[in-house]
Amino acid sequence: MGKYAMFGKLTAHPGKREELAKMMLESETLNDMEGCIYYILHAAEDNPDDLWVTELWESKEAHAASLKNEKVLELIGRCRHLIAGGSAIKVQPLGGIGFS
């Protein structure tokens, strides 16, 4: 099975983007996601409430397992009140710099 990638968009409630980003980035949970190659949080330049996430996983199954991880579920629960909405685009990575 090949690597699995997603681009995610999180829209924070107005004025809450920095609080949401800080909460997500300070969590040790991000370091404990087995099978995660990278998980990068980005602030949108064109919308003060949007965060973008780029994720690369060893496999689709590794990503699915992360969503059952107790620490991940706890982080999602702590952040939920700051999130107004979100979406995700699933993509199939083909290669490039940093891809191995």
Protein backbone atom coordinates (compact mmCIF):
# COMPACT_ATOMS: atom_id res chain seq x y z
CA MET A 1 0.00 0.00 0.00
CA GLY A 2 1.35 3.45 -0.93
CA LYS A 3 1.75 6.57 1.12
CA TYR A 4 -1.34 8.63 1.95
CA ALA A 5 -1.67 12.40 2.02
CA MET A 6 -4.28 15.03 2.81
CA PHE A 7 -4.68 18.78 2.71
CA GLY A 8 -7.01 19.97 5.44
CA LYS A 9 -8.59 23.33 6.10
CA LEU A 10 -9.70 24.36 9.58
CA THR A 11 -11.68 27.56 10.01
CA ALA A 12 -11.50 28.93 13.53
CA HIS A 13 -14.23 31.01 15.08
CA PRO A 14 -13.46 34.70 14.41
CA GLY A 15 -10.36 35.81 16.30
CA LYS A 16 -9.55 32.29 17.56
CA ARG A 17 -7.07 31.08 14.92
CA GLU A 18 -3.95 31.84 16.95
CA GLU A 19 -5.39 30.13 20.03
CA LEU A 20 -6.29 27.07 17.95
CA ALA A 21 -2.86 26.92 16.30
CA LYS A 22 -1.08 27.28 19.63
CA MET A 23 -3.18 24.53 21.21
CA MET A 24 -2.50 22.18 18.29
CA LEU A 25 1.23 22.89 18.08
CA GLU A 26 1.97 22.73 21.80
CA SER A 27 0.40 19.31 22.12
CA GLU A 28 2.82 16.41 22.41
CA THR A 29 0.20 14.38 20.56
CA LEU A 30 1.66 15.43 17.22
CA ASN A 31 4.93 13.68 18.10
CA ASP A 32 3.17 10.42 18.97
CA MET A 33 1.24 9.74 15.76
CA GLU A 34 2.57 6.42 14.55
CA GLY A 35 2.99 6.25 10.79
CA CYS A 36 2.92 10.05 10.37
CA ILE A 37 5.77 11.28 8.18
CA TYR A 38 4.78 14.92 8.47
CA TYR A 39 1.92 17.03 9.80
CA ILE A 40 2.43 20.72 9.13
CA LEU A 41 0.13 23.52 10.24
CA HIS A 42 -0.03 26.69 8.11
CA ALA A 43 -1.73 30.07 8.68
CA ALA A 44 -3.64 31.26 5.61
CA GLU A 45 -2.44 34.62 4.35
CA ASP A 46 -5.78 35.54 2.79
CA ASN A 47 -8.12 34.71 5.70
CA PRO A 48 -7.39 35.51 9.35
CA ASP A 49 -9.49 32.57 10.57
CA ASP A 50 -8.14 29.75 8.37
CA LEU A 51 -5.47 27.18 9.10
CA TRP A 52 -4.26 24.67 6.52
CA VAL A 53 -2.78 21.28 7.40
CA THR A 54 -0.59 19.16 5.16
CA GLU A 55 -0.26 15.53 6.17
CA LEU A 56 1.80 12.64 4.82
CA TRP A 57 1.32 9.14 6.24
CA GLU A 58 3.00 5.81 5.64
CA SER A 59 -0.40 4.45 4.58
CA LYS A 60 -4.13 5.13 4.60
CA GLU A 61 -4.39 2.61 7.45
CA ALA A 62 -1.88 4.57 9.58
CA HIS A 63 -3.99 7.69 9.16
CA ALA A 64 -7.17 5.80 10.07
CA ALA A 65 -5.47 4.38 13.16
CA SER A 66 -4.44 7.87 14.28
CA LEU A 67 -8.11 8.87 14.41
CA LYS A 68 -8.68 6.11 16.98
CA ASN A 69 -5.68 7.13 19.11
CA GLU A 70 -6.82 8.33 22.56
CA LYS A 71 -4.39 11.27 22.58
CA VAL A 72 -5.53 12.41 19.14
CA LEU A 73 -9.19 12.14 20.14
CA GLU A 74 -8.49 14.12 23.31
CA LEU A 75 -6.73 16.88 21.33
CA ILE A 76 -9.62 17.06 18.87
CA GLY A 77 -12.03 17.38 21.81
CA ARG A 78 -10.00 20.20 23.40
CA CYS A 79 -9.85 22.11 20.10
CA ARG A 80 -13.43 21.56 18.96
CA HIS A 81 -14.86 24.70 20.61
CA LEU A 82 -12.43 26.86 18.61
CA ILE A 83 -13.31 25.33 15.21
CA ALA A 84 -16.14 26.78 13.14
CA GLY A 85 -15.70 24.39 10.21
CA GLY A 86 -13.33 22.42 8.09
CA SER A 87 -12.76 20.31 5.03
CA ALA A 88 -10.19 17.90 3.63
CA ILE A 89 -8.84 16.95 0.24
CA LYS A 90 -7.37 13.46 -0.05
CA VAL A 91 -4.54 13.12 -2.55
CA GLN A 92 -2.21 10.38 -3.76
CA PRO A 93 1.43 11.49 -3.37
CA LEU A 94 3.57 10.71 -6.41
CA GLY A 95 7.04 11.92 -5.39
CA GLY A 96 9.28 14.95 -5.08
CA ILE A 97 11.80 16.48 -2.69
CA GLY A 98 11.52 14.90 0.74
CA PHE A 99 9.46 11.99 -0.52
CA SER A 100 11.05 8.62 0.04
